[in-house]
């Protein structure tokens, strides 16, 4: 039986995923997995077209024309949205840039791949978040008389306080938390970037009680995770999604508006951003608080909140939204024309 010799593409894939993405780019395991999925789909598509196994593919097999057919197949056969299709192409762009530095003999083809444009027409999904009433209903739906209930309450309160991404919250260890005044927590975000977030006294008390109840959290020398499952193993993002769905279902009996919302753990992060914005916190501070790469990401929350839009409308056109005398709206042609001229 002959030994399979890895192709140049195979060797580059190994160093791309084992060294370049985690060590040089500092990407999170979640992002690396999404890149892996995109490239694995492309390699399988290419192998199918060439009637070869994936381990026999080489760099020259990755052409603009083939990648174009692959992207079309994602939409036609896998029914991927434009957003997902563009995310797959983004991963291909990153790999092509990496290959360009490793395989200059293929630079011409790789530059064409890097230049492939993203598809327009993607519909930006509205940002789903919980308002104050909905968040109160969610927290009150948690039974704090049990150990797991107290953990869940502390977890969701912590996520709202810090605006942490769900994996950031699940990665927090005892050594990352400072409970004495002023209480704060160290979070490890995207790109291995660290940031420090203040903790409200109420959140600090919840964490202090959680740590005091668990024996495995008392020994800070091993720096255990703060949030774990019933067996002491790490919680997963999918576990948090399940918990949120369960509590939202219960809370919707008190806050019916929750029934029409498609909420996920990231929605709590959105809720933090909108709450900070409503409180008058400037965009730069919110961006630092949430660990955004730039202000453009933070600015989208200004477009998300209807209350802020109503306030802006009332400030610019106060008479347009004020109730008419006698409590009855009446517009004749002249009034309407006059109002339109003011716009």
C-alpha atoms as a PDB file:
ATOM      1  CA  UNK A   1       0.000   0.000   0.000  1.00  0.00           C
ATOM      2  CA  UNK A   2       1.577   3.263  -1.173  1.00  0.00           C
ATOM      3  CA  UNK A   3       1.885   6.143   1.259  1.00  0.00           C
ATOM      4  CA  UNK A   4      -0.085   9.264   0.328  1.00  0.00           C
ATOM      5  CA  UNK A   5       2.196  12.283  -0.069  1.00  0.00           C
ATOM      6  CA  UNK A   6       0.404  15.518   0.901  1.00  0.00           C
ATOM      7  CA  UNK A   7       0.010  18.030  -1.909  1.00  0.00           C
ATOM      8  CA  UNK A   8       1.130  21.640  -1.558  1.00  0.00           C
ATOM      9  CA  UNK A   9      -2.505  22.576  -0.944  1.00  0.00           C
ATOM     10  CA  UNK A  10      -2.778  19.989   1.839  1.00  0.00           C
ATOM     11  CA  UNK A  11       0.352  21.267   3.562  1.00  0.00           C
ATOM     12  CA  UNK A  12      -0.835  24.872   3.266  1.00  0.00           C
ATOM     13  CA  UNK A  13      -4.218  23.985   4.726  1.00  0.00           C
ATOM     14  CA  UNK A  14      -2.564  22.448   7.784  1.00  0.00           C
ATOM     15  CA  UNK A  15      -0.386  25.489   8.505  1.00  0.00           C
ATOM     16  CA  UNK A  16      -3.305  27.836   7.717  1.00  0.00           C
ATOM     17  CA  UNK A  17      -5.510  26.281  10.382  1.00  0.00           C
ATOM     18  CA  UNK A  18      -2.881  25.222  12.923  1.00  0.00           C
ATOM     19  CA  UNK A  19      -0.632  28.269  12.847  1.00  0.00           C
ATOM     20  CA  UNK A  20      -1.797  31.219  10.743  1.00  0.00           C
ATOM     21  CA  UNK A  21      -5.389  31.644  11.968  1.00  0.00           C
ATOM     22  CA  UNK A  22      -4.933  30.898  15.703  1.00  0.00           C
ATOM     23  CA  UNK A  23      -1.376  32.153  16.263  1.00  0.00           C
ATOM     24  CA  UNK A  24      -0.838  34.940  13.747  1.00  0.00           C
ATOM     25  CA  UNK A  25      -4.381  36.209  13.272  1.00  0.00           C
ATOM     26  CA  UNK A  26      -5.513  35.357  16.804  1.00  0.00           C
ATOM     27  CA  UNK A  27      -8.960  34.208  15.671  1.00  0.00           C
ATOM     28  CA  UNK A  28     -11.340  32.505  18.061  1.00  0.00           C
ATOM     29  CA  UNK A  29     -12.084  28.757  17.747  1.00  0.00           C
ATOM     30  CA  UNK A  30     -15.633  29.634  16.650  1.00  0.00           C
ATOM     31  CA  UNK A  31     -14.368  31.782  13.747  1.00  0.00           C
ATOM     32  CA  UNK A  32     -11.797  29.165  12.783  1.00  0.00           C
ATOM     33  CA  UNK A  33     -14.549  26.541  12.618  1.00  0.00           C
ATOM     34  CA  UNK A  34     -16.577  28.760  10.284  1.00  0.00           C
ATOM     35  CA  UNK A  35     -13.527  29.111   7.990  1.00  0.00           C
ATOM     36  CA  UNK A  36     -13.052  25.346   8.132  1.00  0.00           C
ATOM     37  CA  UNK A  37     -16.663  24.731   7.094  1.00  0.00           C
ATOM     38  CA  UNK A  38     -16.415  27.149   4.152  1.00  0.00           C
ATOM     39  CA  UNK A  39     -13.188  25.657   2.801  1.00  0.00           C
ATOM     40  CA  UNK A  40     -14.338  22.082   3.359  1.00  0.00           C
ATOM     41  CA  UNK A  41     -17.441  22.761   1.269  1.00  0.00           C
ATOM     42  CA  UNK A  42     -15.290  24.283  -1.475  1.00  0.00           C
ATOM     43  CA  UNK A  43     -12.860  21.350  -1.472  1.00  0.00           C
ATOM     44  CA  UNK A  44     -15.661  18.797  -1.648  1.00  0.00           C
ATOM     45  CA  UNK A  45     -17.288  20.714  -4.518  1.00  0.00           C
ATOM     46  CA  UNK A  46     -13.941  20.854  -6.366  1.00  0.00           C
ATOM     47  CA  UNK A  47     -13.266  17.153  -5.787  1.00  0.00           C
ATOM     48  CA  UNK A  48     -16.708  16.311  -7.151  1.00  0.00           C
ATOM     49  CA  UNK A  49     -16.122  18.323 -10.316  1.00  0.00           C
ATOM     50  CA  UNK A  50     -12.667  16.837 -10.916  1.00  0.00           C
ATOM     51  CA  UNK A  51     -13.670  13.307  -9.864  1.00  0.00           C
ATOM     52  CA  UNK A  52     -10.828  13.144  -7.363  1.00  0.00           C
ATOM     53  CA  UNK A  53     -10.515  12.753  -3.646  1.00  0.00           C
ATOM     54  CA  UNK A  54      -9.954  15.865  -1.563  1.00  0.00           C
ATOM     55  CA  UNK A  55      -6.410  14.807  -0.633  1.00  0.00           C
ATOM     56  CA  UNK A  56      -5.444  14.809  -4.339  1.00  0.00           C
ATOM     57  CA  UNK A  57      -6.411  18.457  -4.951  1.00  0.00           C
ATOM     58  CA  UNK A  58      -3.805  21.129  -5.512  1.00  0.00           C
ATOM     59  CA  UNK A  59      -3.648  24.934  -5.558  1.00  0.00           C
ATOM     60  CA  UNK A  60      -4.082  25.124  -9.331  1.00  0.00           C
ATOM     61  CA  UNK A  61      -7.499  23.477  -8.961  1.00  0.00           C
ATOM     62  CA  UNK A  62      -8.863  26.569  -7.215  1.00  0.00           C
ATOM     63  CA  UNK A  63      -9.931  28.862 -10.034  1.00  0.00           C
ATOM     64  CA  UNK A  64     -12.216  31.886 -10.169  1.00  0.00           C
ATOM     65  CA  UNK A  65     -14.593  30.062 -12.484  1.00  0.00           C
ATOM     66  CA  UNK A  66     -14.864  27.052 -10.174  1.00  0.00           C
ATOM     67  CA  UNK A  67     -15.350  29.221  -7.076  1.00  0.00           C
ATOM     68  CA  UNK A  68     -18.073  31.148  -8.939  1.00  0.00           C
ATOM     69  CA  UNK A  69     -19.892  27.871  -9.646  1.00  0.00           C
ATOM     70  CA  UNK A  70     -19.406  26.855  -6.010  1.00  0.00           C
ATOM     71  CA  UNK A  71     -20.984  30.077  -4.734  1.00  0.00           C
ATOM     72  CA  UNK A  72     -23.927  29.624  -7.097  1.00  0.00           C
ATOM     73  CA  UNK A  73     -24.373  26.063  -5.836  1.00  0.00           C
ATOM     74  CA  UNK A  74     -24.483  27.319  -2.248  1.00  0.00           C
ATOM     75  CA  UNK A  75     -27.547  29.401  -3.088  1.00  0.00           C
ATOM     76  CA  UNK A  76     -29.224  26.971  -5.510  1.00  0.00           C
ATOM     77  CA  UNK A  77     -28.563  23.625  -3.803  1.00  0.00           C
ATOM     78  CA  UNK A  78     -27.949  24.451  -0.140  1.00  0.00           C
ATOM     79  CA  UNK A  79     -30.363  27.426  -0.162  1.00  0.00           C
ATOM     80  CA  UNK A  80     -27.821  29.646   1.588  1.00  0.00           C
ATOM     81  CA  UNK A  81     -28.736  33.292   1.987  1.00  0.00           C
ATOM     82  CA  UNK A  82     -26.666  36.040   0.386  1.00  0.00           C
ATOM     83  CA  UNK A  83     -25.215  36.797   3.820  1.00  0.00           C
ATOM     84  CA  UNK A  84     -24.033  33.191   4.264  1.00  0.00           C
ATOM     85  CA  UNK A  85     -22.758  33.051   0.692  1.00  0.00           C
ATOM     86  CA  UNK A  86     -20.711  36.209   1.263  1.00  0.00           C
ATOM     87  CA  UNK A  87     -19.363  34.842   4.552  1.00  0.00           C
ATOM     88  CA  UNK A  88     -18.114  31.732   2.699  1.00  0.00           C
ATOM     89  CA  UNK A  89     -16.464  33.955   0.099  1.00  0.00           C
ATOM     90  CA  UNK A  90     -14.838  35.991   2.871  1.00  0.00           C
ATOM     91  CA  UNK A  91     -13.186  32.853   4.219  1.00  0.00           C
ATOM     92  CA  UNK A  92     -11.968  31.992   0.707  1.00  0.00           C
ATOM     93  CA  UNK A  93     -10.505  35.502   0.374  1.00  0.00           C
ATOM     94  CA  UNK A  94      -8.509  35.064   3.597  1.00  0.00           C
ATOM     95  CA  UNK A  95      -7.169  31.672   2.476  1.00  0.00           C
ATOM     96  CA  UNK A  96      -6.265  33.048  -0.967  1.00  0.00           C
ATOM     97  CA  UNK A  97      -4.310  35.915   0.626  1.00  0.00           C
ATOM     98  CA  UNK A  98      -2.453  33.393   2.753  1.00  0.00           C
ATOM     99  CA  UNK A  99      -1.693  31.210  -0.282  1.00  0.00           C
ATOM    100  CA  UNK A 100      -0.421  34.243  -2.208  1.00  0.00           C
ATOM    101  CA  UNK A 101       2.349  34.596   0.344  1.00  0.00           C
ATOM    102  CA  UNK A 102       3.156  30.895   0.287  1.00  0.00           C
ATOM    103  CA  UNK A 103       2.793  30.112  -3.438  1.00  0.00           C
ATOM    104  CA  UNK A 104       3.906  33.148  -5.474  1.00  0.00           C
ATOM    105  CA  UNK A 105       3.913  31.015  -8.630  1.00  0.00           C
ATOM    106  CA  UNK A 106       0.085  31.063  -8.443  1.00  0.00           C
ATOM    107  CA  UNK A 107      -0.131  34.786  -7.642  1.00  0.00           C
ATOM    108  CA  UNK A 108      -2.051  35.735 -10.783  1.00  0.00           C
ATOM    109  CA  UNK A 109      -4.902  33.292 -10.121  1.00  0.00           C
ATOM    110  CA  UNK A 110      -4.948  34.028  -6.390  1.00  0.00           C
ATOM    111  CA  UNK A 111      -5.199  37.778  -7.013  1.00  0.00           C
ATOM    112  CA  UNK A 112      -8.248  37.167  -9.188  1.00  0.00           C
ATOM    113  CA  UNK A 113      -9.797  35.120  -6.367  1.00  0.00           C
ATOM    114  CA  UNK A 114      -9.045  37.863  -3.837  1.00  0.00           C
ATOM    115  CA  UNK A 115     -10.718  40.354  -6.174  1.00  0.00           C
ATOM    116  CA  UNK A 116     -13.988  38.396  -6.417  1.00  0.00           C
ATOM    117  CA  UNK A 117     -16.711  40.811  -5.230  1.00  0.00           C
ATOM    118  CA  UNK A 118     -19.314  40.095  -2.625  1.00  0.00           C
ATOM    119  CA  UNK A 119     -22.865  39.779  -3.859  1.00  0.00           C
ATOM    120  CA  UNK A 120     -25.168  42.704  -3.274  1.00  0.00           C
ATOM    121  CA  UNK A 121     -28.756  42.481  -2.208  1.00  0.00           C
ATOM    122  CA  UNK A 122     -28.254  40.974   1.231  1.00  0.00           C
ATOM    123  CA  UNK A 123     -31.097  41.926   3.555  1.00  0.00           C
ATOM    124  CA  UNK A 124     -29.822  43.090   6.921  1.00  0.00           C
ATOM    125  CA  UNK A 125     -31.867  41.362   9.584  1.00  0.00           C
ATOM    126  CA  UNK A 126     -33.306  43.681  12.251  1.00  0.00           C
ATOM    127  CA  UNK A 127     -31.499  43.671  15.566  1.00  0.00           C
ATOM    128  CA  UNK A 128     -33.535  41.803  18.152  1.00  0.00           C
ATOM    129  CA  UNK A 129     -33.090  42.926  21.746  1.00  0.00           C
ATOM    130  CA  UNK A 130     -34.995  42.957  25.028  1.00  0.00           C
ATOM    131  CA  UNK A 131     -36.386  46.183  26.411  1.00  0.00           C
ATOM    132  CA  UNK A 132     -36.478  46.847  30.138  1.00  0.00           C
ATOM    133  CA  UNK A 133     -39.878  45.202  30.695  1.00  0.00           C
ATOM    134  CA  UNK A 134     -38.898  42.100  28.724  1.00  0.00           C
ATOM    135  CA  UNK A 135     -35.551  41.776  30.480  1.00  0.00           C
ATOM    136  CA  UNK A 136     -37.223  42.061  33.894  1.00  0.00           C
ATOM    137  CA  UNK A 137     -39.712  39.370  32.879  1.00  0.00           C
ATOM    138  CA  UNK A 138     -36.890  37.124  31.681  1.00  0.00           C
ATOM    139  CA  UNK A 139     -34.919  37.389  34.926  1.00  0.00           C
ATOM    140  CA  UNK A 140     -38.008  36.958  37.094  1.00  0.00           C
ATOM    141  CA  UNK A 141     -38.895  33.756  35.211  1.00  0.00           C
ATOM    142  CA  UNK A 142     -35.757  32.077  36.618  1.00  0.00           C
ATOM    143  CA  UNK A 143     -36.278  29.993  39.764  1.00  0.00           C
ATOM    144  CA  UNK A 144     -33.494  31.152  42.062  1.00  0.00           C
ATOM    145  CA  UNK A 145     -34.331  28.601  44.764  1.00  0.00           C
ATOM    146  CA  UNK A 146     -32.187  25.994  42.965  1.00  0.00           C
ATOM    147  CA  UNK A 147     -28.445  25.896  42.332  1.00  0.00           C
ATOM    148  CA  UNK A 148     -28.881  25.863  38.565  1.00  0.00           C
ATOM    149  CA  UNK A 149     -31.452  28.644  38.758  1.00  0.00           C
ATOM    150  CA  UNK A 150     -29.024  30.858  40.655  1.00  0.00           C
ATOM    151  CA  UNK A 151     -26.339  30.050  38.102  1.00  0.00           C
ATOM    152  CA  UNK A 152     -28.648  30.959  35.220  1.00  0.00           C
ATOM    153  CA  UNK A 153     -29.729  34.196  36.881  1.00  0.00           C
ATOM    154  CA  UNK A 154     -26.097  35.177  37.491  1.00  0.00           C
ATOM    155  CA  UNK A 155     -25.136  34.239  33.924  1.00  0.00           C
ATOM    156  CA  UNK A 156     -27.818  36.322  32.195  1.00  0.00           C
ATOM    157  CA  UNK A 157     -27.340  39.244  34.595  1.00  0.00           C
ATOM    158  CA  UNK A 158     -23.597  39.091  33.916  1.00  0.00           C
ATOM    159  CA  UNK A 159     -24.129  38.998  30.143  1.00  0.00           C
ATOM    160  CA  UNK A 160     -26.415  42.034  30.280  1.00  0.00           C
ATOM    161  CA  UNK A 161     -24.080  43.939  32.614  1.00  0.00           C
ATOM    162  CA  UNK A 162     -20.992  43.392  30.449  1.00  0.00           C
ATOM    163  CA  UNK A 163     -22.506  42.996  26.978  1.00  0.00           C
ATOM    164  CA  UNK A 164     -20.192  40.011  26.604  1.00  0.00           C
ATOM    165  CA  UNK A 165     -20.496  37.661  23.672  1.00  0.00           C
ATOM    166  CA  UNK A 166     -21.802  34.341  24.917  1.00  0.00           C
ATOM    167  CA  UNK A 167     -18.464  32.556  24.484  1.00  0.00           C
ATOM    168  CA  UNK A 168     -16.664  35.421  26.223  1.00  0.00           C
ATOM    169  CA  UNK A 169     -18.945  34.958  29.220  1.00  0.00           C
ATOM    170  CA  UNK A 170     -18.511  31.188  29.234  1.00  0.00           C
ATOM    171  CA  UNK A 171     -14.716  31.550  29.110  1.00  0.00           C
ATOM    172  CA  UNK A 172     -14.570  33.747  32.226  1.00  0.00           C
ATOM    173  CA  UNK A 173     -12.550  32.200  35.039  1.00  0.00           C
ATOM    174  CA  UNK A 174     -12.417  33.074  38.707  1.00  0.00           C
ATOM    175  CA  UNK A 175      -9.040  34.735  38.200  1.00  0.00           C
ATOM    176  CA  UNK A 176     -10.625  37.099  35.652  1.00  0.00           C
ATOM    177  CA  UNK A 177     -13.132  38.484  38.164  1.00  0.00           C
ATOM    178  CA  UNK A 178     -12.367  41.172  40.708  1.00  0.00           C
ATOM    179  CA  UNK A 179     -15.125  41.339  43.322  1.00  0.00           C
ATOM    180  CA  UNK A 180     -13.648  43.923  45.696  1.00  0.00           C
ATOM    181  CA  UNK A 181     -14.320  47.591  44.938  1.00  0.00           C
ATOM    182  CA  UNK A 182     -14.341  48.605  42.194  1.00  0.00           C
ATOM    183  CA  UNK A 183     -15.639  45.246  40.861  1.00  0.00           C
ATOM    184  CA  UNK A 184     -14.666  44.396  37.305  1.00  0.00           C
ATOM    185  CA  UNK A 185     -14.043  41.503  34.941  1.00  0.00           C
ATOM    186  CA  UNK A 186     -11.432  40.802  32.270  1.00  0.00           C
ATOM    187  CA  UNK A 187     -12.875  39.493  29.003  1.00  0.00           C
ATOM    188  CA  UNK A 188     -11.017  37.869  26.134  1.00  0.00           C
ATOM    189  CA  UNK A 189     -12.680  38.882  22.885  1.00  0.00           C
ATOM    190  CA  UNK A 190     -12.189  38.468  19.163  1.00  0.00           C
ATOM    191  CA  UNK A 191      -8.628  38.503  17.936  1.00  0.00           C
ATOM    192  CA  UNK A 192      -7.461  37.549  21.447  1.00  0.00           C
ATOM    193  CA  UNK A 193      -8.048  41.161  22.492  1.00  0.00           C
ATOM    194  CA  UNK A 194      -8.577  41.722  26.195  1.00  0.00           C
ATOM    195  CA  UNK A 195     -10.859  44.354  27.659  1.00  0.00           C
ATOM    196  CA  UNK A 196     -11.992  45.164  31.181  1.00  0.00           C
ATOM    197  CA  UNK A 197     -15.642  45.811  32.007  1.00  0.00           C
ATOM    198  CA  UNK A 198     -16.995  47.256  35.246  1.00  0.00           C
ATOM    199  CA  UNK A 199     -19.469  45.181  37.237  1.00  0.00           C
ATOM    200  CA  UNK A 200     -22.496  46.604  38.970  1.00  0.00           C
ATOM    201  CA  UNK A 201     -22.510  45.898  42.736  1.00  0.00           C
ATOM    202  CA  UNK A 202     -25.570  43.675  42.244  1.00  0.00           C
ATOM    203  CA  UNK A 203     -23.747  41.606  39.602  1.00  0.00           C
ATOM    204  CA  UNK A 204     -20.678  41.332  41.818  1.00  0.00           C
ATOM    205  CA  UNK A 205     -22.864  40.009  44.658  1.00  0.00           C
ATOM    206  CA  UNK A 206     -24.389  37.382  42.364  1.00  0.00           C
ATOM    207  CA  UNK A 207     -20.944  36.190  41.304  1.00  0.00           C
ATOM    208  CA  UNK A 208     -19.667  36.222  44.886  1.00  0.00           C
ATOM    209  CA  UNK A 209     -22.599  34.054  46.000  1.00  0.00           C
ATOM    210  CA  UNK A 210     -22.115  31.710  43.045  1.00  0.00           C
ATOM    211  CA  UNK A 211     -18.450  31.242  43.860  1.00  0.00           C
ATOM    212  CA  UNK A 212     -19.187  30.736  47.552  1.00  0.00           C
ATOM    213  CA  UNK A 213     -21.710  27.969  46.811  1.00  0.00           C
ATOM    214  CA  UNK A 214     -19.404  25.913  44.596  1.00  0.00           C
ATOM    215  CA  UNK A 215     -16.527  24.050  46.181  1.00  0.00           C
ATOM    216  CA  UNK A 216     -14.616  23.755  42.932  1.00  0.00           C
ATOM    217  CA  UNK A 217     -14.550  27.561  42.638  1.00  0.00           C
ATOM    218  CA  UNK A 218     -12.911  28.187  45.990  1.00  0.00           C
ATOM    219  CA  UNK A 219      -9.425  27.181  44.894  1.00  0.00           C
ATOM    220  CA  UNK A 220      -8.340  30.104  42.712  1.00  0.00           C
ATOM    221  CA  UNK A 221      -4.960  28.479  42.051  1.00  0.00           C
ATOM    222  CA  UNK A 222      -6.495  26.348  39.297  1.00  0.00           C
ATOM    223  CA  UNK A 223      -8.634  29.263  38.015  1.00  0.00           C
ATOM    224  CA  UNK A 224     -11.783  27.267  37.197  1.00  0.00           C
ATOM    225  CA  UNK A 225     -14.539  28.524  34.949  1.00  0.00           C
ATOM    226  CA  UNK A 226     -17.223  30.577  36.687  1.00  0.00           C
ATOM    227  CA  UNK A 227     -20.158  29.189  34.669  1.00  0.00           C
ATOM    228  CA  UNK A 228     -20.375  25.412  34.273  1.00  0.00           C
ATOM    229  CA  UNK A 229     -23.087  22.813  33.800  1.00  0.00           C
ATOM    230  CA  UNK A 230     -24.509  20.536  36.502  1.00  0.00           C
ATOM    231  CA  UNK A 231     -21.549  18.136  36.136  1.00  0.00           C
ATOM    232  CA  UNK A 232     -18.955  20.884  36.469  1.00  0.00           C
ATOM    233  CA  UNK A 233     -18.091  20.761  32.763  1.00  0.00           C
ATOM    234  CA  UNK A 234     -18.010  23.915  30.595  1.00  0.00           C
ATOM    235  CA  UNK A 235     -21.335  25.284  29.424  1.00  0.00           C
ATOM    236  CA  UNK A 236     -21.732  25.523  25.642  1.00  0.00           C
ATOM    237  CA  UNK A 237     -23.234  28.233  23.464  1.00  0.00           C
ATOM    238  CA  UNK A 238     -25.954  25.782  22.506  1.00  0.00           C
ATOM    239  CA  UNK A 239     -26.714  25.133  26.168  1.00  0.00           C
ATOM    240  CA  UNK A 240     -27.136  28.855  26.798  1.00  0.00           C
ATOM    241  CA  UNK A 241     -29.376  29.133  23.720  1.00  0.00           C
ATOM    242  CA  UNK A 242     -31.554  26.339  25.115  1.00  0.00           C
ATOM    243  CA  UNK A 243     -31.779  28.039  28.524  1.00  0.00           C
ATOM    244  CA  UNK A 244     -32.675  31.386  26.993  1.00  0.00           C
ATOM    245  CA  UNK A 245     -35.373  29.826  24.821  1.00  0.00           C
ATOM    246  CA  UNK A 246     -36.882  28.091  27.851  1.00  0.00           C
ATOM    247  CA  UNK A 247     -36.930  31.224  30.008  1.00  0.00           C
ATOM    248  CA  UNK A 248     -38.250  33.401  27.191  1.00  0.00           C
ATOM    249  CA  UNK A 249     -41.146  30.985  26.746  1.00  0.00           C
ATOM    250  CA  UNK A 250     -42.038  31.362  30.429  1.00  0.00           C
ATOM    251  CA  UNK A 251     -41.460  35.123  30.472  1.00  0.00           C
ATOM    252  CA  UNK A 252     -43.668  35.653  27.416  1.00  0.00           C
ATOM    253  CA  UNK A 253     -46.699  34.930  29.595  1.00  0.00           C
ATOM    254  CA  UNK A 254     -45.915  38.143  31.471  1.00  0.00           C
ATOM    255  CA  UNK A 255     -44.409  40.090  28.543  1.00  0.00           C
ATOM    256  CA  UNK A 256     -46.375  38.996  25.416  1.00  0.00           C
ATOM    257  CA  UNK A 257     -44.101  41.048  23.129  1.00  0.00           C
ATOM    258  CA  UNK A 258     -41.449  38.325  23.579  1.00  0.00           C
ATOM    259  CA  UNK A 259     -43.568  35.902  21.541  1.00  0.00           C
ATOM    260  CA  UNK A 260     -42.895  37.778  18.288  1.00  0.00           C
ATOM    261  CA  UNK A 261     -39.136  38.093  18.775  1.00  0.00           C
ATOM    262  CA  UNK A 262     -36.500  35.667  17.514  1.00  0.00           C
ATOM    263  CA  UNK A 263     -34.077  35.880  20.421  1.00  0.00           C
ATOM    264  CA  UNK A 264     -30.708  34.206  20.874  1.00  0.00           C
ATOM    265  CA  UNK A 265     -27.881  34.727  23.392  1.00  0.00           C
ATOM    266  CA  UNK A 266     -26.382  37.521  21.276  1.00  0.00           C
ATOM    267  CA  UNK A 267     -29.660  39.408  21.749  1.00  0.00           C
ATOM    268  CA  UNK A 268     -28.646  40.114  25.331  1.00  0.00           C
ATOM    269  CA  UNK A 269     -25.507  41.820  24.015  1.00  0.00           C
ATOM    270  CA  UNK A 270     -27.717  43.878  21.713  1.00  0.00           C
ATOM    271  CA  UNK A 271     -29.879  44.743  24.727  1.00  0.00           C
ATOM    272  CA  UNK A 272     -26.838  46.079  26.576  1.00  0.00           C
ATOM    273  CA  UNK A 273     -25.845  48.274  23.636  1.00  0.00           C
ATOM    274  CA  UNK A 274     -29.329  49.764  23.239  1.00  0.00           C
ATOM    275  CA  UNK A 275     -29.665  50.332  27.000  1.00  0.00           C
ATOM    276  CA  UNK A 276     -26.316  52.163  27.080  1.00  0.00           C
ATOM    277  CA  UNK A 277     -27.331  54.240  24.075  1.00  0.00           C
ATOM    278  CA  UNK A 278     -30.643  55.201  25.673  1.00  0.00           C
ATOM    279  CA  UNK A 279     -28.797  56.213  28.827  1.00  0.00           C
ATOM    280  CA  UNK A 280     -26.813  58.767  26.858  1.00  0.00           C
ATOM    281  CA  UNK A 281     -23.505  56.898  26.709  1.00  0.00           C
ATOM    282  CA  UNK A 282     -21.466  58.011  23.693  1.00  0.00           C
ATOM    283  CA  UNK A 283     -20.710  55.673  20.810  1.00  0.00           C
ATOM    284  CA  UNK A 284     -16.968  55.537  21.489  1.00  0.00           C
ATOM    285  CA  UNK A 285     -17.524  54.317  25.053  1.00  0.00           C
ATOM    286  CA  UNK A 286     -20.103  51.736  23.935  1.00  0.00           C
ATOM    287  CA  UNK A 287     -17.681  50.523  21.262  1.00  0.00           C
ATOM    288  CA  UNK A 288     -14.949  50.030  23.868  1.00  0.00           C
ATOM    289  CA  UNK A 289     -17.414  48.457  26.312  1.00  0.00           C
ATOM    290  CA  UNK A 290     -18.532  45.846  23.792  1.00  0.00           C
ATOM    291  CA  UNK A 291     -15.113  45.298  22.217  1.00  0.00           C
ATOM    292  CA  UNK A 292     -16.161  46.373  18.720  1.00  0.00           C
ATOM    293  CA  UNK A 293     -13.462  46.649  16.070  1.00  0.00           C
ATOM    294  CA  UNK A 294     -14.788  50.054  14.967  1.00  0.00           C
ATOM    295  CA  UNK A 295     -17.549  52.598  15.467  1.00  0.00           C
ATOM    296  CA  UNK A 296     -19.453  51.460  12.362  1.00  0.00           C
ATOM    297  CA  UNK A 297     -20.521  48.308  14.192  1.00  0.00           C
ATOM    298  CA  UNK A 298     -21.744  50.355  17.148  1.00  0.00           C
ATOM    299  CA  UNK A 299     -23.606  52.876  14.987  1.00  0.00           C
ATOM    300  CA  UNK A 300     -26.109  50.280  13.811  1.00  0.00           C
ATOM    301  CA  UNK A 301     -27.741  50.333  17.246  1.00  0.00           C
ATOM    302  CA  UNK A 302     -28.814  53.911  16.587  1.00  0.00           C
ATOM    303  CA  UNK A 303     -30.863  52.557  13.689  1.00  0.00           C
ATOM    304  CA  UNK A 304     -32.323  49.711  15.718  1.00  0.00           C
ATOM    305  CA  UNK A 305     -34.209  51.412  18.537  1.00  0.00           C
ATOM    306  CA  UNK A 306     -37.663  52.804  17.761  1.00  0.00           C
ATOM    307  CA  UNK A 307     -37.764  54.909  20.933  1.00  0.00           C
ATOM    308  CA  UNK A 308     -34.679  56.821  19.801  1.00  0.00           C
ATOM    309  CA  UNK A 309     -36.275  57.380  16.404  1.00  0.00           C
ATOM    310  CA  UNK A 310     -39.459  58.682  18.020  1.00  0.00           C
ATOM    311  CA  UNK A 311     -37.434  61.042  20.203  1.00  0.00           C
ATOM    312  CA  UNK A 312     -35.566  62.355  17.167  1.00  0.00           C
ATOM    313  CA  UNK A 313     -38.819  62.895  15.267  1.00  0.00           C
ATOM    314  CA  UNK A 314     -40.366  64.729  18.203  1.00  0.00           C
ATOM    315  CA  UNK A 315     -37.341  67.038  18.467  1.00  0.00           C
ATOM    316  CA  UNK A 316     -37.300  67.924  14.773  1.00  0.00           C
ATOM    317  CA  UNK A 317     -41.050  68.004  14.068  1.00  0.00           C
ATOM    318  CA  UNK A 318     -42.774  68.363  17.457  1.00  0.00           C
ATOM    319  CA  UNK A 319     -46.076  69.482  15.902  1.00  0.00           C
ATOM    320  CA  UNK A 320     -46.167  66.520  13.564  1.00  0.00           C
ATOM    321  CA  UNK A 321     -46.437  63.984  16.381  1.00  0.00           C
ATOM    322  CA  UNK A 322     -48.336  66.116  18.895  1.00  0.00           C
ATOM    323  CA  UNK A 323     -52.040  65.274  19.314  1.00  0.00           C
ATOM    324  CA  UNK A 324     -54.332  67.823  17.589  1.00  0.00           C
ATOM    325  CA  UNK A 325     -56.671  70.088  19.583  1.00  0.00           C
ATOM    326  CA  UNK A 326     -59.749  68.220  20.668  1.00  0.00           C
ATOM    327  CA  UNK A 327     -57.957  64.892  20.366  1.00  0.00           C
ATOM    328  CA  UNK A 328     -58.918  64.466  16.682  1.00  0.00           C
ATOM    329  CA  UNK A 329     -56.556  64.415  13.692  1.00  0.00           C
ATOM    330  CA  UNK A 330     -57.778  66.584  10.838  1.00  0.00           C
ATOM    331  CA  UNK A 331     -55.777  67.572   7.781  1.00  0.00           C
ATOM    332  CA  UNK A 332     -57.172  69.441   4.822  1.00  0.00           C
ATOM    333  CA  UNK A 333     -55.210  69.983   1.622  1.00  0.00           C
ATOM    334  CA  UNK A 334     -53.649  73.285   2.711  1.00  0.00           C
ATOM    335  CA  UNK A 335     -52.432  71.920   6.049  1.00  0.00           C
ATOM    336  CA  UNK A 336     -50.834  68.915   4.390  1.00  0.00           C
ATOM    337  CA  UNK A 337     -49.128  71.061   1.764  1.00  0.00           C
ATOM    338  CA  UNK A 338     -47.853  73.416   4.432  1.00  0.00           C
ATOM    339  CA  UNK A 339     -46.445  70.539   6.481  1.00  0.00           C
ATOM    340  CA  UNK A 340     -44.739  69.059   3.450  1.00  0.00           C
ATOM    341  CA  UNK A 341     -43.094  72.401   2.627  1.00  0.00           C
ATOM    342  CA  UNK A 342     -41.442  72.354   6.061  1.00  0.00           C
ATOM    343  CA  UNK A 343     -39.678  69.068   5.374  1.00  0.00           C
END
